[in-house]
Amino acid sequence: MTGLLTERLRQASDNAIALWTTLARARGDDVFHHPAFTAIDGRRFRIMLRTDAPDAAAVADLTELARARRGDGRAVVVEDPFRVLDLGALGMTAGQLPVMVREPGPAPAPDGVERVETPAELAGAEDVVVHGFPLEEYQPYRPGTVFPPGLLDQATAFFRKGTAGACLAMAHGGVGGVYWVTTMPEHRSRGIGRELMHAVLRHFDDLPVTLTASRSGRPLYDKLGFATLGDANWWR
């Protein structure tokens, strides 16, 4: 991996940590920052690695934290975009998801996509993401628990295409990150995701844009000019 791609992977990781920290604080979840990782105590216990070279003590701290929370009966997920951890001894297994980046460049004008501006619009976008993605840990769904209205005053940007699709984006660390690009099942294969991404790319017109792609979403991102930085390990 070239120096630029390594830097983009680090920026993507920093952006994701900033996004999850912002969400956690809006939701009232606890956040713990270790020099090598960030832990978020929400519906799931999420640990996010911050560095591609954690020392032995940091790995031991992370491993013990994951072990303890699993011992408490918590659902634990450890995000390792650098693929340097081995948590198999805890009984955890790693699934891979590609981390991707698109450098700044022209993007078509989106058709029918609006930036969310009001609490009512945010509630509609939240409903789409919770049910369309779906977010199983937030079922049964209670409005305002995933995206509290206070997020509208944070460094986040929500986009929606009516009730058919929605996504969340955030600028941090020199890149724009995009999350939960969602199309409701009855509207899939109609270009909704592409229009949402056009809106995001226009919004971040002078920034690289990073994301973690689902396997089904990757063909769209390939067509939009995203390059793969590597497959992140998601330990569960």
C-alpha atoms as a PDB file:
ATOM      1  CA  MET A   1       0.000   0.000   0.000  1.00  0.00           C
ATOM      2  CA  THR A   2       1.382   3.402  -0.946  1.00  0.00           C
ATOM      3  CA  GLY A   3       1.926   6.170   1.582  1.00  0.00           C
ATOM      4  CA  LEU A   4      -1.177   8.032   0.400  1.00  0.00           C
ATOM      5  CA  LEU A   5      -3.401   4.973   0.705  1.00  0.00           C
ATOM      6  CA  THR A   6      -2.014   4.238   4.167  1.00  0.00           C
ATOM      7  CA  GLU A   7      -2.825   7.805   5.171  1.00  0.00           C
ATOM      8  CA  ARG A   8      -6.337   7.515   3.735  1.00  0.00           C
ATOM      9  CA  LEU A   9      -6.936   4.337   5.758  1.00  0.00           C
ATOM     10  CA  ARG A  10      -5.845   6.115   8.920  1.00  0.00           C
ATOM     11  CA  GLN A  11      -8.089   9.073   8.054  1.00  0.00           C
ATOM     12  CA  ALA A  12     -11.036   6.749   7.415  1.00  0.00           C
ATOM     13  CA  SER A  13     -10.476   5.163  10.833  1.00  0.00           C
ATOM     14  CA  ASP A  14     -10.234   8.552  12.560  1.00  0.00           C
ATOM     15  CA  ASN A  15     -13.404   9.716  10.816  1.00  0.00           C
ATOM     16  CA  ALA A  16     -15.329   6.635  11.937  1.00  0.00           C
ATOM     17  CA  ILE A  17     -14.165   7.061  15.529  1.00  0.00           C
ATOM     18  CA  ALA A  18     -15.221  10.724  15.490  1.00  0.00           C
ATOM     19  CA  LEU A  19     -18.621   9.805  14.039  1.00  0.00           C
ATOM     20  CA  TRP A  20     -19.278   7.086  16.615  1.00  0.00           C
ATOM     21  CA  THR A  21     -18.104   9.356  19.431  1.00  0.00           C
ATOM     22  CA  THR A  22     -20.515  12.073  18.260  1.00  0.00           C
ATOM     23  CA  LEU A  23     -23.375   9.570  18.057  1.00  0.00           C
ATOM     24  CA  ALA A  24     -22.556   8.112  21.469  1.00  0.00           C
ATOM     25  CA  ARG A  25     -22.565  11.476  23.189  1.00  0.00           C
ATOM     26  CA  ALA A  26     -25.855  12.449  21.547  1.00  0.00           C
ATOM     27  CA  ARG A  27     -27.357   9.138  22.703  1.00  0.00           C
ATOM     28  CA  GLY A  28     -25.970   9.397  26.223  1.00  0.00           C
ATOM     29  CA  ASP A  29     -23.643   6.407  25.805  1.00  0.00           C
ATOM     30  CA  ASP A  30     -20.306   6.210  27.594  1.00  0.00           C
ATOM     31  CA  VAL A  31     -17.099   6.756  25.594  1.00  0.00           C
ATOM     32  CA  PHE A  32     -13.631   5.709  26.699  1.00  0.00           C
ATOM     33  CA  HIS A  33     -10.530   6.867  24.809  1.00  0.00           C
ATOM     34  CA  HIS A  34      -7.395   4.748  25.144  1.00  0.00           C
ATOM     35  CA  PRO A  35      -4.290   5.882  23.223  1.00  0.00           C
ATOM     36  CA  ALA A  36      -4.657   2.856  20.938  1.00  0.00           C
ATOM     37  CA  PHE A  37      -8.442   2.452  20.740  1.00  0.00           C
ATOM     38  CA  THR A  38     -11.819   3.960  21.546  1.00  0.00           C
ATOM     39  CA  ALA A  39     -14.563   2.024  23.342  1.00  0.00           C
ATOM     40  CA  ILE A  40     -18.246   2.942  23.136  1.00  0.00           C
ATOM     41  CA  ASP A  41     -20.766   1.454  25.544  1.00  0.00           C
ATOM     42  CA  GLY A  42     -24.049   1.488  23.610  1.00  0.00           C
ATOM     43  CA  ARG A  43     -26.559  -1.129  22.498  1.00  0.00           C
ATOM     44  CA  ARG A  44     -23.449  -3.090  21.562  1.00  0.00           C
ATOM     45  CA  PHE A  45     -20.038  -2.670  23.140  1.00  0.00           C
ATOM     46  CA  ARG A  46     -17.909  -1.317  20.294  1.00  0.00           C
ATOM     47  CA  ILE A  47     -14.113  -1.130  20.348  1.00  0.00           C
ATOM     48  CA  MET A  48     -12.415   0.748  17.497  1.00  0.00           C
ATOM     49  CA  LEU A  49      -8.672   0.419  16.925  1.00  0.00           C
ATOM     50  CA  ARG A  50      -6.933   3.763  16.376  1.00  0.00           C
ATOM     51  CA  THR A  51      -3.472   2.665  15.200  1.00  0.00           C
ATOM     52  CA  ASP A  52      -1.872   0.145  12.870  1.00  0.00           C
ATOM     53  CA  ALA A  53       0.933  -0.483  15.393  1.00  0.00           C
ATOM     54  CA  PRO A  54      -0.542  -1.060  18.861  1.00  0.00           C
ATOM     55  CA  ASP A  55       2.069  -2.168  21.373  1.00  0.00           C
ATOM     56  CA  ALA A  56       1.731  -5.357  23.403  1.00  0.00           C
ATOM     57  CA  ALA A  57       0.296  -3.525  26.404  1.00  0.00           C
ATOM     58  CA  ALA A  58      -2.410  -1.875  24.281  1.00  0.00           C
ATOM     59  CA  VAL A  59      -3.355  -5.189  22.690  1.00  0.00           C
ATOM     60  CA  ALA A  60      -3.560  -6.742  26.160  1.00  0.00           C
ATOM     61  CA  ASP A  61      -5.769  -3.887  27.388  1.00  0.00           C
ATOM     62  CA  LEU A  62      -8.089  -4.205  24.389  1.00  0.00           C
ATOM     63  CA  THR A  63      -8.258  -7.985  24.655  1.00  0.00           C
ATOM     64  CA  GLU A  64      -9.055  -7.904  28.365  1.00  0.00           C
ATOM     65  CA  LEU A  65     -11.748  -5.269  27.832  1.00  0.00           C
ATOM     66  CA  ALA A  66     -13.390  -7.382  25.131  1.00  0.00           C
ATOM     67  CA  ARG A  67     -13.094 -10.504  27.305  1.00  0.00           C
ATOM     68  CA  ALA A  68     -14.661  -8.780  30.309  1.00  0.00           C
ATOM     69  CA  ARG A  69     -17.606  -7.344  28.384  1.00  0.00           C
ATOM     70  CA  ARG A  70     -18.289 -10.671  26.670  1.00  0.00           C
ATOM     71  CA  GLY A  71     -18.157 -12.264  30.117  1.00  0.00           C
ATOM     72  CA  ASP A  72     -20.855  -9.795  31.195  1.00  0.00           C
ATOM     73  CA  GLY A  73     -23.058 -11.125  28.394  1.00  0.00           C
ATOM     74  CA  ARG A  74     -22.604  -8.078  26.168  1.00  0.00           C
ATOM     75  CA  ALA A  75     -22.551  -8.189  22.382  1.00  0.00           C
ATOM     76  CA  VAL A  76     -19.045  -6.972  21.510  1.00  0.00           C
ATOM     77  CA  VAL A  77     -17.740  -5.822  18.131  1.00  0.00           C
ATOM     78  CA  VAL A  78     -14.106  -4.855  17.553  1.00  0.00           C
ATOM     79  CA  GLU A  79     -13.319  -2.842  14.425  1.00  0.00           C
ATOM     80  CA  ASP A  80      -9.775  -3.406  13.192  1.00  0.00           C
ATOM     81  CA  PRO A  81      -9.276  -1.612   9.856  1.00  0.00           C
ATOM     82  CA  PHE A  82      -5.553  -2.382   9.968  1.00  0.00           C
ATOM     83  CA  ARG A  83      -5.955  -6.165  10.430  1.00  0.00           C
ATOM     84  CA  VAL A  84      -3.358  -6.417  13.178  1.00  0.00           C
ATOM     85  CA  LEU A  85      -5.432  -8.076  15.935  1.00  0.00           C
ATOM     86  CA  ASP A  86      -6.129 -11.730  16.570  1.00  0.00           C
ATOM     87  CA  LEU A  87      -9.063 -12.203  18.944  1.00  0.00           C
ATOM     88  CA  GLY A  88      -9.724 -15.827  18.074  1.00  0.00           C
ATOM     89  CA  ALA A  89      -8.674 -16.933  21.560  1.00  0.00           C
ATOM     90  CA  LEU A  90     -11.728 -15.072  22.897  1.00  0.00           C
ATOM     91  CA  GLY A  91     -14.006 -17.139  20.680  1.00  0.00           C
ATOM     92  CA  MET A  92     -14.490 -14.189  18.330  1.00  0.00           C
ATOM     93  CA  THR A  93     -14.435 -14.479  14.553  1.00  0.00           C
ATOM     94  CA  ALA A  94     -13.555 -11.814  12.000  1.00  0.00           C
ATOM     95  CA  GLY A  95     -15.694 -10.819   9.052  1.00  0.00           C
ATOM     96  CA  GLN A  96     -14.176  -8.622   6.373  1.00  0.00           C
ATOM     97  CA  LEU A  97     -15.616  -5.442   4.879  1.00  0.00           C
ATOM     98  CA  PRO A  98     -13.771  -3.272   2.328  1.00  0.00           C
ATOM     99  CA  VAL A  99     -12.705   0.246   3.307  1.00  0.00           C
ATOM    100  CA  MET A 100     -12.806   2.520   0.246  1.00  0.00           C
ATOM    101  CA  VAL A 101     -11.876   6.065  -0.758  1.00  0.00           C
ATOM    102  CA  ARG A 102     -12.681   8.418  -3.618  1.00  0.00           C
ATOM    103  CA  GLU A 103     -10.425  11.383  -4.205  1.00  0.00           C
ATOM    104  CA  PRO A 104     -12.080  14.777  -4.886  1.00  0.00           C
ATOM    105  CA  GLY A 105     -13.607  15.064  -8.326  1.00  0.00           C
ATOM    106  CA  PRO A 106     -16.744  16.017 -10.244  1.00  0.00           C
ATOM    107  CA  ALA A 107     -20.047  14.325  -9.413  1.00  0.00           C
ATOM    108  CA  PRO A 108     -23.447  14.578 -11.113  1.00  0.00           C
ATOM    109  CA  ALA A 109     -26.179  16.642  -9.490  1.00  0.00           C
ATOM    110  CA  PRO A 110     -28.377  14.371  -7.363  1.00  0.00           C
ATOM    111  CA  ASP A 111     -31.980  13.877  -8.385  1.00  0.00           C
ATOM    112  CA  GLY A 112     -34.516  14.460  -5.623  1.00  0.00           C
ATOM    113  CA  VAL A 113     -32.091  14.217  -2.687  1.00  0.00           C
ATOM    114  CA  GLU A 114     -32.439  16.726   0.141  1.00  0.00           C
ATOM    115  CA  ARG A 115     -30.226  17.513   3.086  1.00  0.00           C
ATOM    116  CA  VAL A 116     -32.093  16.910   6.333  1.00  0.00           C
ATOM    117  CA  GLU A 117     -32.723  20.178   8.161  1.00  0.00           C
ATOM    118  CA  THR A 118     -35.476  19.623  10.742  1.00  0.00           C
ATOM    119  CA  PRO A 119     -36.164  17.144  13.554  1.00  0.00           C
ATOM    120  CA  ALA A 120     -39.151  15.789  11.616  1.00  0.00           C
ATOM    121  CA  GLU A 121     -36.983  15.162   8.547  1.00  0.00           C
ATOM    122  CA  LEU A 122     -34.340  13.539  10.734  1.00  0.00           C
ATOM    123  CA  ALA A 123     -36.967  11.217  12.217  1.00  0.00           C
ATOM    124  CA  GLY A 124     -37.910  10.159   8.684  1.00  0.00           C
ATOM    125  CA  ALA A 125     -34.278   9.481   7.761  1.00  0.00           C
ATOM    126  CA  GLU A 126     -33.791   7.542  10.988  1.00  0.00           C
ATOM    127  CA  ASP A 127     -36.810   5.364  10.211  1.00  0.00           C
ATOM    128  CA  VAL A 128     -35.355   4.528   6.793  1.00  0.00           C
ATOM    129  CA  VAL A 129     -31.944   3.555   8.190  1.00  0.00           C
ATOM    130  CA  VAL A 130     -33.297   1.523  11.103  1.00  0.00           C
ATOM    131  CA  HIS A 131     -35.683  -0.484   8.940  1.00  0.00           C
ATOM    132  CA  GLY A 132     -33.883  -0.468   5.611  1.00  0.00           C
ATOM    133  CA  PHE A 133     -30.315  -1.191   6.668  1.00  0.00           C
ATOM    134  CA  PRO A 134     -31.534  -2.718   9.084  1.00  0.00           C
ATOM    135  CA  LEU A 135     -30.181  -1.921  12.562  1.00  0.00           C
ATOM    136  CA  GLU A 136     -31.209  -5.023  14.474  1.00  0.00           C
ATOM    137  CA  GLU A 137     -29.958  -3.794  17.850  1.00  0.00           C
ATOM    138  CA  TYR A 138     -32.530  -0.969  17.718  1.00  0.00           C
ATOM    139  CA  GLN A 139     -35.512  -3.264  17.300  1.00  0.00           C
ATOM    140  CA  PRO A 140     -38.159  -2.745  18.500  1.00  0.00           C
ATOM    141  CA  TYR A 141     -37.641   0.758  17.204  1.00  0.00           C
ATOM    142  CA  ARG A 142     -38.219   3.859  19.305  1.00  0.00           C
ATOM    143  CA  PRO A 143     -37.910   7.152  17.372  1.00  0.00           C
ATOM    144  CA  GLY A 144     -35.017   9.372  18.391  1.00  0.00           C
ATOM    145  CA  THR A 145     -32.863   6.620  19.884  1.00  0.00           C
ATOM    146  CA  VAL A 146     -30.560   6.133  16.886  1.00  0.00           C
ATOM    147  CA  PHE A 147     -30.258   9.717  15.630  1.00  0.00           C
ATOM    148  CA  PRO A 148     -31.300  12.099  18.430  1.00  0.00           C
ATOM    149  CA  PRO A 149     -32.426  15.543  17.224  1.00  0.00           C
ATOM    150  CA  GLY A 150     -29.341  17.131  18.797  1.00  0.00           C
ATOM    151  CA  LEU A 151     -27.251  15.683  15.985  1.00  0.00           C
ATOM    152  CA  LEU A 152     -28.581  18.408  13.710  1.00  0.00           C
ATOM    153  CA  ASP A 153     -26.378  20.844  15.670  1.00  0.00           C
ATOM    154  CA  GLN A 154     -23.287  18.624  15.332  1.00  0.00           C
ATOM    155  CA  ALA A 155     -20.797  18.198  12.482  1.00  0.00           C
ATOM    156  CA  THR A 156     -23.010  15.637  10.791  1.00  0.00           C
ATOM    157  CA  ALA A 157     -24.969  15.822   7.535  1.00  0.00           C
ATOM    158  CA  PHE A 158     -27.985  13.637   6.805  1.00  0.00           C
ATOM    159  CA  PHE A 159     -29.394  13.173   3.325  1.00  0.00           C
ATOM    160  CA  ARG A 160     -32.653  11.575   2.242  1.00  0.00           C
ATOM    161  CA  LYS A 161     -34.579  10.840  -0.907  1.00  0.00           C
ATOM    162  CA  GLY A 162     -38.130  11.007   0.321  1.00  0.00           C
ATOM    163  CA  THR A 163     -38.955   7.876   2.285  1.00  0.00           C
ATOM    164  CA  ALA A 164     -36.986   5.674  -0.116  1.00  0.00           C
ATOM    165  CA  GLY A 165     -33.406   6.197   1.036  1.00  0.00           C
ATOM    166  CA  ALA A 166     -31.137   7.993   3.477  1.00  0.00           C
ATOM    167  CA  CYS A 167     -27.544   8.221   4.666  1.00  0.00           C
ATOM    168  CA  LEU A 168     -25.314  10.004   7.175  1.00  0.00           C
ATOM    169  CA  ALA A 169     -22.028  11.811   6.499  1.00  0.00           C
ATOM    170  CA  MET A 170     -19.423  13.640   8.547  1.00  0.00           C
ATOM    171  CA  ALA A 171     -16.293  15.668   7.809  1.00  0.00           C
ATOM    172  CA  HIS A 172     -13.383  14.997  10.154  1.00  0.00           C
ATOM    173  CA  GLY A 173      -9.657  14.482   9.880  1.00  0.00           C
ATOM    174  CA  GLY A 174      -9.295  15.751   6.340  1.00  0.00           C
ATOM    175  CA  VAL A 175     -11.877  13.427   4.774  1.00  0.00           C
ATOM    176  CA  GLY A 176     -15.625  13.109   4.481  1.00  0.00           C
ATOM    177  CA  GLY A 177     -17.001   9.829   5.785  1.00  0.00           C
ATOM    178  CA  VAL A 178     -20.325   8.368   4.667  1.00  0.00           C
ATOM    179  CA  TYR A 179     -22.307   5.819   6.680  1.00  0.00           C
ATOM    180  CA  TRP A 180     -25.480   3.722   6.406  1.00  0.00           C
ATOM    181  CA  VAL A 181     -26.268   4.371   2.754  1.00  0.00           C
ATOM    182  CA  THR A 182     -29.709   2.806   2.872  1.00  0.00           C
ATOM    183  CA  THR A 183     -32.487   2.072   0.405  1.00  0.00           C
ATOM    184  CA  MET A 184     -35.788   0.630   1.562  1.00  0.00           C
ATOM    185  CA  PRO A 185     -36.348  -2.882   0.172  1.00  0.00           C
ATOM    186  CA  GLU A 186     -39.298  -1.892  -2.022  1.00  0.00           C
ATOM    187  CA  HIS A 187     -37.198   0.820  -3.723  1.00  0.00           C
ATOM    188  CA  ARG A 188     -34.004  -1.112  -4.400  1.00  0.00           C
ATOM    189  CA  SER A 189     -32.421  -1.422  -7.863  1.00  0.00           C
ATOM    190  CA  ARG A 190     -33.833   1.986  -8.841  1.00  0.00           C
ATOM    191  CA  GLY A 191     -30.703   4.097  -8.399  1.00  0.00           C
ATOM    192  CA  ILE A 192     -31.579   5.502  -4.960  1.00  0.00           C
ATOM    193  CA  GLY A 193     -28.169   4.686  -3.500  1.00  0.00           C
ATOM    194  CA  ARG A 194     -26.427   6.276  -6.463  1.00  0.00           C
ATOM    195  CA  GLU A 195     -28.381   9.527  -6.040  1.00  0.00           C
ATOM    196  CA  LEU A 196     -27.599   9.616  -2.322  1.00  0.00           C
ATOM    197  CA  MET A 197     -23.906   9.173  -3.105  1.00  0.00           C
ATOM    198  CA  HIS A 198     -24.032  11.937  -5.705  1.00  0.00           C
ATOM    199  CA  ALA A 199     -25.356  14.241  -2.961  1.00  0.00           C
ATOM    200  CA  VAL A 200     -22.564  13.188  -0.584  1.00  0.00           C
ATOM    201  CA  LEU A 201     -19.859  13.668  -3.212  1.00  0.00           C
ATOM    202  CA  ARG A 202     -21.214  17.123  -4.058  1.00  0.00           C
ATOM    203  CA  HIS A 203     -21.344  17.977  -0.340  1.00  0.00           C
ATOM    204  CA  PHE A 204     -17.678  16.969   0.098  1.00  0.00           C
ATOM    205  CA  ASP A 205     -16.583  18.386  -3.249  1.00  0.00           C
ATOM    206  CA  ASP A 206     -13.080  19.319  -2.076  1.00  0.00           C
ATOM    207  CA  LEU A 207     -12.450  16.350   0.251  1.00  0.00           C
ATOM    208  CA  PRO A 208     -11.615  12.678  -0.246  1.00  0.00           C
ATOM    209  CA  VAL A 209     -14.635  10.566   0.726  1.00  0.00           C
ATOM    210  CA  THR A 210     -14.228   7.332   2.685  1.00  0.00           C
ATOM    211  CA  LEU A 211     -16.630   4.534   3.564  1.00  0.00           C
ATOM    212  CA  THR A 212     -16.835   0.920   4.648  1.00  0.00           C
ATOM    213  CA  ALA A 213     -18.771  -0.943   1.979  1.00  0.00           C
ATOM    214  CA  SER A 214     -21.143  -3.836   2.258  1.00  0.00           C
ATOM    215  CA  ARG A 215     -20.496  -6.563  -0.285  1.00  0.00           C
ATOM    216  CA  SER A 216     -23.730  -5.689  -2.048  1.00  0.00           C
ATOM    217  CA  GLY A 217     -22.881  -1.986  -2.103  1.00  0.00           C
ATOM    218  CA  ARG A 218     -19.354  -2.321  -3.438  1.00  0.00           C
ATOM    219  CA  PRO A 219     -20.266  -2.472  -7.164  1.00  0.00           C
ATOM    220  CA  LEU A 220     -21.914   0.952  -6.879  1.00  0.00           C
ATOM    221  CA  TYR A 221     -18.872   2.446  -5.192  1.00  0.00           C
ATOM    222  CA  ASP A 222     -16.576   0.922  -7.810  1.00  0.00           C
ATOM    223  CA  LYS A 223     -18.632   2.631 -10.525  1.00  0.00           C
ATOM    224  CA  LEU A 224     -18.433   5.947  -8.660  1.00  0.00           C
ATOM    225  CA  GLY A 225     -14.638   5.843  -8.688  1.00  0.00           C
ATOM    226  CA  PHE A 226     -13.877   4.541  -5.208  1.00  0.00           C
ATOM    227  CA  ALA A 227     -10.649   2.589  -4.661  1.00  0.00           C
ATOM    228  CA  THR A 228     -10.276  -0.158  -2.077  1.00  0.00           C
ATOM    229  CA  LEU A 229      -7.847   0.564   0.750  1.00  0.00           C
ATOM    230  CA  GLY A 230      -8.124  -2.918   2.248  1.00  0.00           C
ATOM    231  CA  ASP A 231     -10.518  -5.246   3.987  1.00  0.00           C
ATOM    232  CA  ALA A 232     -11.137  -4.320   7.619  1.00  0.00           C
ATOM    233  CA  ASN A 233     -11.634  -7.042  10.202  1.00  0.00           C
ATOM    234  CA  TRP A 234     -14.813  -6.801  12.239  1.00  0.00           C
ATOM    235  CA  TRP A 235     -14.433  -9.153  15.189  1.00  0.00           C
ATOM    236  CA  ARG A 236     -17.617 -10.452  16.792  1.00  0.00           C
END
